[in-house]
Amino acid sequence: MSNLVADVHDLKSRLEWGQPAFTIIDVRDRHTYNHGHISGAISIPLDDLADRAKSALHKERHIYVYGEHDTHTAHAARKLRDAGFSHVSEIQGGLNAWKTVGGATEGI
């Protein structure tokens, strides 16, 4: 089981090199997600996370997760690991860190 802290630079490199075998999950509420999120991230609010991830994603899939702040992100990652996902990485600094390194975003 990998318990990783993801650096936004590494994630950005993976995206730019076209390594698509991973999913980015934004666990903030839908309204916040709609106003801006990492390009390609899917919205699964924290309350629905375990159930929706189990029905939508393969357990071996590499997942990057971020929330409002690092504590929120860590809680989401723990929920995913507890649900049986073995490759979960926490995006430290979330959306703000992503924007700082010039990562692509979508939203209003």
N, C-alpha and C. Protein backbone atom coordinates (compact mmCIF):
# COMPACT_ATOMS: atom_id res chain seq x y z
N MET A 1 0.84 -1.17 0.00
CA MET A 1 0.00 0.00 0.00
C MET A 1 0.89 1.24 0.00
N SER A 2 0.67 2.12 -0.98
CA SER A 2 1.49 3.33 -1.01
C SER A 2 0.76 4.45 -0.29
N ASN A 3 1.46 5.11 0.58
CA ASN A 3 0.92 6.22 1.36
C ASN A 3 1.76 7.44 0.98
N LEU A 4 1.37 8.10 -0.08
CA LEU A 4 2.21 9.13 -0.66
C LEU A 4 1.69 10.52 -0.44
N VAL A 5 2.62 11.42 -0.35
CA VAL A 5 2.30 12.83 -0.40
C VAL A 5 2.77 13.28 -1.78
N ALA A 6 1.85 13.81 -2.56
CA ALA A 6 2.19 14.17 -3.93
C ALA A 6 2.63 15.63 -4.01
N ASP A 7 3.71 15.83 -4.70
CA ASP A 7 4.17 17.18 -4.96
C ASP A 7 3.50 17.65 -6.26
N VAL A 8 3.02 18.89 -6.26
CA VAL A 8 2.31 19.38 -7.44
C VAL A 8 3.19 19.39 -8.68
N HIS A 9 4.50 19.59 -8.51
CA HIS A 9 5.41 19.56 -9.66
C HIS A 9 5.41 18.18 -10.32
N ASP A 10 5.44 17.12 -9.49
CA ASP A 10 5.44 15.75 -10.01
C ASP A 10 4.14 15.45 -10.76
N LEU A 11 3.02 15.86 -10.16
CA LEU A 11 1.72 15.63 -10.79
C LEU A 11 1.63 16.37 -12.12
N LYS A 12 2.08 17.60 -12.13
CA LYS A 12 2.05 18.40 -13.36
C LYS A 12 2.90 17.73 -14.45
N SER A 13 4.05 17.21 -14.08
CA SER A 13 4.91 16.49 -15.03
C SER A 13 4.20 15.26 -15.59
N ARG A 14 3.54 14.51 -14.72
CA ARG A 14 2.81 13.32 -15.18
C ARG A 14 1.75 13.70 -16.20
N LEU A 15 1.03 14.78 -15.94
CA LEU A 15 -0.01 15.22 -16.86
C LEU A 15 0.59 15.68 -18.19
N GLU A 16 1.67 16.44 -18.11
CA GLU A 16 2.29 16.97 -19.32
C GLU A 16 2.91 15.87 -20.17
N TRP A 17 3.39 14.82 -19.54
CA TRP A 17 3.98 13.69 -20.26
C TRP A 17 2.92 12.70 -20.71
N GLY A 18 1.66 13.02 -20.43
CA GLY A 18 0.58 12.17 -20.91
C GLY A 18 0.52 10.81 -20.26
N GLN A 19 0.69 10.75 -18.95
CA GLN A 19 0.54 9.48 -18.23
C GLN A 19 -0.85 9.46 -17.60
N PRO A 20 -1.82 8.93 -18.33
CA PRO A 20 -3.22 9.07 -17.92
C PRO A 20 -3.73 8.02 -16.94
N ALA A 21 -2.89 7.11 -16.48
CA ALA A 21 -3.39 6.00 -15.67
C ALA A 21 -3.61 6.41 -14.21
N PHE A 22 -4.26 7.53 -14.00
CA PHE A 22 -4.58 7.95 -12.64
C PHE A 22 -5.82 8.83 -12.65
N THR A 23 -6.39 9.04 -11.49
CA THR A 23 -7.58 9.87 -11.35
C THR A 23 -7.29 10.92 -10.28
N ILE A 24 -7.72 12.14 -10.54
CA ILE A 24 -7.61 13.22 -9.55
C ILE A 24 -9.01 13.46 -8.99
N ILE A 25 -9.13 13.41 -7.67
CA ILE A 25 -10.43 13.62 -7.02
C ILE A 25 -10.38 14.89 -6.17
N ASP A 26 -11.35 15.75 -6.41
CA ASP A 26 -11.53 16.98 -5.63
C ASP A 26 -12.65 16.69 -4.63
N VAL A 27 -12.36 16.72 -3.33
CA VAL A 27 -13.36 16.37 -2.32
C VAL A 27 -14.04 17.59 -1.69
N ARG A 28 -13.78 18.76 -2.25
CA ARG A 28 -14.47 19.96 -1.76
C ARG A 28 -15.93 19.90 -2.21
N ASP A 29 -16.77 20.79 -1.69
CA ASP A 29 -18.18 20.75 -2.08
C ASP A 29 -18.35 21.15 -3.55
N ARG A 30 -19.46 20.76 -4.11
CA ARG A 30 -19.72 20.95 -5.55
C ARG A 30 -19.63 22.42 -5.97
N HIS A 31 -20.16 23.32 -5.18
CA HIS A 31 -20.13 24.75 -5.50
C HIS A 31 -18.68 25.24 -5.63
N THR A 32 -17.84 24.87 -4.67
CA THR A 32 -16.44 25.27 -4.68
C THR A 32 -15.73 24.67 -5.89
N TYR A 33 -16.00 23.39 -6.16
CA TYR A 33 -15.43 22.70 -7.32
C TYR A 33 -15.79 23.44 -8.62
N ASN A 34 -17.06 23.82 -8.74
CA ASN A 34 -17.52 24.49 -9.97
C ASN A 34 -16.81 25.81 -10.21
N HIS A 35 -16.37 26.45 -9.12
CA HIS A 35 -15.69 27.75 -9.26
C HIS A 35 -14.22 27.63 -9.64
N GLY A 36 -13.68 26.44 -9.55
CA GLY A 36 -12.29 26.26 -9.98
C GLY A 36 -11.72 24.97 -9.42
N HIS A 37 -11.11 24.18 -10.32
CA HIS A 37 -10.51 22.92 -9.90
C HIS A 37 -9.39 22.55 -10.87
N ILE A 38 -8.56 21.60 -10.47
CA ILE A 38 -7.49 21.10 -11.33
C ILE A 38 -8.13 20.49 -12.57
N SER A 39 -7.62 20.83 -13.73
CA SER A 39 -8.17 20.30 -14.98
C SER A 39 -8.19 18.78 -14.95
N GLY A 40 -9.35 18.23 -15.28
CA GLY A 40 -9.50 16.78 -15.31
C GLY A 40 -9.90 16.15 -14.00
N ALA A 41 -9.91 16.94 -12.91
CA ALA A 41 -10.31 16.40 -11.61
C ALA A 41 -11.80 16.09 -11.61
N ILE A 42 -12.17 15.03 -10.91
CA ILE A 42 -13.59 14.73 -10.76
C ILE A 42 -14.03 15.15 -9.36
N SER A 43 -15.27 15.57 -9.26
CA SER A 43 -15.81 16.03 -7.98
C SER A 43 -16.51 14.88 -7.27
N ILE A 44 -15.97 14.52 -6.11
CA ILE A 44 -16.66 13.58 -5.23
C ILE A 44 -16.55 14.17 -3.82
N PRO A 45 -17.61 14.86 -3.36
CA PRO A 45 -17.57 15.45 -2.02
C PRO A 45 -17.25 14.40 -0.96
N LEU A 46 -16.57 14.82 0.08
CA LEU A 46 -16.06 13.94 1.12
C LEU A 46 -17.11 12.98 1.67
N ASP A 47 -18.35 13.46 1.88
CA ASP A 47 -19.40 12.62 2.46
C ASP A 47 -19.72 11.40 1.60
N ASP A 48 -19.58 11.53 0.28
CA ASP A 48 -19.93 10.45 -0.65
C ASP A 48 -18.71 9.67 -1.11
N LEU A 49 -17.53 10.06 -0.64
CA LEU A 49 -16.29 9.58 -1.22
C LEU A 49 -16.13 8.07 -1.28
N ALA A 50 -16.23 7.39 -0.16
CA ALA A 50 -15.98 5.94 -0.14
C ALA A 50 -16.94 5.19 -1.06
N ASP A 51 -18.23 5.48 -0.95
CA ASP A 51 -19.22 4.77 -1.75
C ASP A 51 -19.06 5.04 -3.25
N ARG A 52 -18.92 6.29 -3.61
CA ARG A 52 -18.80 6.62 -5.04
C ARG A 52 -17.50 6.13 -5.63
N ALA A 53 -16.42 6.21 -4.88
CA ALA A 53 -15.14 5.73 -5.41
C ALA A 53 -15.19 4.22 -5.63
N LYS A 54 -15.81 3.48 -4.68
CA LYS A 54 -15.89 2.03 -4.81
C LYS A 54 -16.68 1.63 -6.05
N SER A 55 -17.72 2.38 -6.37
CA SER A 55 -18.54 2.01 -7.53
C SER A 55 -17.95 2.52 -8.85
N ALA A 56 -17.10 3.54 -8.78
CA ALA A 56 -16.62 4.16 -10.02
C ALA A 56 -15.17 3.84 -10.39
N LEU A 57 -14.36 3.46 -9.41
CA LEU A 57 -12.93 3.31 -9.68
C LEU A 57 -12.40 1.93 -9.29
N HIS A 58 -11.45 1.45 -10.05
CA HIS A 58 -10.79 0.17 -9.75
C HIS A 58 -9.89 0.37 -8.53
N LYS A 59 -9.82 -0.63 -7.67
CA LYS A 59 -9.05 -0.53 -6.42
C LYS A 59 -7.56 -0.30 -6.65
N GLU A 60 -7.05 -0.74 -7.81
CA GLU A 60 -5.62 -0.59 -8.09
C GLU A 60 -5.29 0.73 -8.79
N ARG A 61 -6.30 1.52 -9.09
CA ARG A 61 -6.09 2.78 -9.79
C ARG A 61 -5.27 3.74 -8.92
N HIS A 62 -4.39 4.49 -9.55
CA HIS A 62 -3.65 5.54 -8.82
C HIS A 62 -4.57 6.74 -8.68
N ILE A 63 -4.74 7.18 -7.44
CA ILE A 63 -5.65 8.30 -7.15
C ILE A 63 -4.87 9.41 -6.47
N TYR A 64 -5.09 10.62 -6.99
CA TYR A 64 -4.57 11.83 -6.34
C TYR A 64 -5.79 12.54 -5.78
N VAL A 65 -5.70 12.98 -4.54
CA VAL A 65 -6.85 13.60 -3.90
C VAL A 65 -6.45 14.94 -3.28
N TYR A 66 -7.40 15.90 -3.32
CA TYR A 66 -7.18 17.17 -2.63
C TYR A 66 -8.50 17.74 -2.14
N GLY A 67 -8.40 18.55 -1.08
CA GLY A 67 -9.57 19.17 -0.47
C GLY A 67 -9.32 20.64 -0.20
N GLU A 68 -10.06 21.17 0.78
CA GLU A 68 -9.96 22.59 1.14
C GLU A 68 -8.57 22.94 1.68
N HIS A 69 -7.99 22.02 2.48
CA HIS A 69 -6.69 22.23 3.10
C HIS A 69 -6.08 20.85 3.33
N ASP A 70 -4.84 20.80 3.76
CA ASP A 70 -4.13 19.52 3.87
C ASP A 70 -4.78 18.55 4.86
N THR A 71 -5.40 19.05 5.92
CA THR A 71 -6.07 18.17 6.88
C THR A 71 -7.29 17.50 6.23
N HIS A 72 -8.03 18.28 5.46
CA HIS A 72 -9.19 17.78 4.71
C HIS A 72 -8.74 16.72 3.71
N THR A 73 -7.63 17.00 3.03
CA THR A 73 -7.06 16.08 2.06
C THR A 73 -6.64 14.77 2.73
N ALA A 74 -5.97 14.87 3.88
CA ALA A 74 -5.51 13.68 4.59
C ALA A 74 -6.70 12.82 5.04
N HIS A 75 -7.77 13.46 5.47
CA HIS A 75 -8.97 12.74 5.89
C HIS A 75 -9.57 11.98 4.70
N ALA A 76 -9.62 12.64 3.53
CA ALA A 76 -10.14 12.00 2.33
C ALA A 76 -9.28 10.82 1.92
N ALA A 77 -7.97 10.99 1.98
CA ALA A 77 -7.05 9.91 1.61
C ALA A 77 -7.23 8.71 2.54
N ARG A 78 -7.42 8.98 3.83
CA ARG A 78 -7.62 7.91 4.80
C ARG A 78 -8.91 7.15 4.49
N LYS A 79 -9.97 7.89 4.13
CA LYS A 79 -11.24 7.24 3.77
C LYS A 79 -11.06 6.32 2.57
N LEU A 80 -10.30 6.78 1.58
CA LEU A 80 -10.06 5.95 0.40
C LEU A 80 -9.25 4.71 0.74
N ARG A 81 -8.21 4.89 1.54
CA ARG A 81 -7.38 3.74 1.94
C ARG A 81 -8.20 2.74 2.75
N ASP A 82 -9.05 3.25 3.64
CA ASP A 82 -9.91 2.38 4.44
C ASP A 82 -10.91 1.62 3.57
N ALA A 83 -11.26 2.21 2.42
CA ALA A 83 -12.20 1.57 1.49
C ALA A 83 -11.50 0.56 0.59
N GLY A 84 -10.18 0.42 0.76
CA GLY A 84 -9.46 -0.61 0.01
C GLY A 84 -8.63 -0.13 -1.15
N PHE A 85 -8.55 1.18 -1.35
CA PHE A 85 -7.71 1.72 -2.43
C PHE A 85 -6.26 1.75 -1.94
N SER A 86 -5.36 1.18 -2.75
CA SER A 86 -3.99 1.02 -2.27
C SER A 86 -3.02 2.06 -2.80
N HIS A 87 -3.40 2.82 -3.80
CA HIS A 87 -2.49 3.82 -4.39
C HIS A 87 -3.12 5.20 -4.30
N VAL A 88 -3.07 5.80 -3.13
CA VAL A 88 -3.69 7.10 -2.90
C VAL A 88 -2.61 8.11 -2.53
N SER A 89 -2.56 9.21 -3.27
CA SER A 89 -1.59 10.27 -2.99
C SER A 89 -2.32 11.56 -2.64
N GLU A 90 -1.81 12.26 -1.64
CA GLU A 90 -2.41 13.52 -1.20
C GLU A 90 -1.70 14.67 -1.90
N ILE A 91 -2.46 15.53 -2.56
CA ILE A 91 -1.88 16.69 -3.23
C ILE A 91 -1.69 17.79 -2.18
N GLN A 92 -0.46 17.95 -1.72
CA GLN A 92 -0.17 18.93 -0.68
C GLN A 92 -0.38 20.35 -1.21
N GLY A 93 -1.10 21.15 -0.45
CA GLY A 93 -1.36 22.53 -0.84
C GLY A 93 -2.57 22.67 -1.74
N GLY A 94 -3.11 21.55 -2.20
CA GLY A 94 -4.33 21.56 -2.99
C GLY A 94 -4.29 22.46 -4.21
N LEU A 95 -5.43 23.06 -4.49
CA LEU A 95 -5.59 23.89 -5.68
C LEU A 95 -4.64 25.09 -5.70
N ASN A 96 -4.42 25.71 -4.54
CA ASN A 96 -3.53 26.88 -4.51
C ASN A 96 -2.11 26.51 -4.91
N ALA A 97 -1.61 25.39 -4.40
CA ALA A 97 -0.26 24.94 -4.77
C ALA A 97 -0.21 24.62 -6.26
N TRP A 98 -1.28 24.00 -6.76
CA TRP A 98 -1.36 23.65 -8.18
C TRP A 98 -1.28 24.92 -9.05
N LYS A 99 -2.02 25.95 -8.66
CA LYS A 99 -2.00 27.21 -9.42
C LYS A 99 -0.62 27.86 -9.37
N THR A 100 0.05 27.74 -8.22
CA THR A 100 1.37 28.34 -8.03
C THR A 100 2.39 27.81 -9.03
N VAL A 101 2.27 26.50 -9.39
CA VAL A 101 3.22 25.93 -10.36
C VAL A 101 2.69 26.02 -11.79
N GLY A 102 1.59 26.77 -11.98
CA GLY A 102 1.07 26.98 -13.32
C GLY A 102 0.28 25.81 -13.85
N GLY A 103 -0.26 24.98 -12.97
CA GLY A 103 -1.08 23.85 -13.40
C GLY A 103 -2.39 24.33 -14.01
N ALA A 104 -2.87 23.58 -14.99
CA ALA A 104 -4.12 23.95 -15.68
C ALA A 104 -5.32 23.78 -14.75
N THR A 105 -6.24 24.73 -14.84
CA THR A 105 -7.47 24.67 -14.04
C THR A 105 -8.68 24.87 -14.94
N GLU A 106 -9.81 24.45 -14.43
CA GLU A 106 -11.10 24.63 -15.10
C GLU A 106 -12.05 25.23 -14.09
N GLY A 107 -13.13 25.83 -14.59
CA GLY A 107 -14.15 26.36 -13.70
C GLY A 107 -14.55 27.76 -14.10
N ILE A 108 -15.43 28.32 -13.30
CA ILE A 108 -16.00 29.64 -13.61
C ILE A 108 -14.95 30.73 -13.45
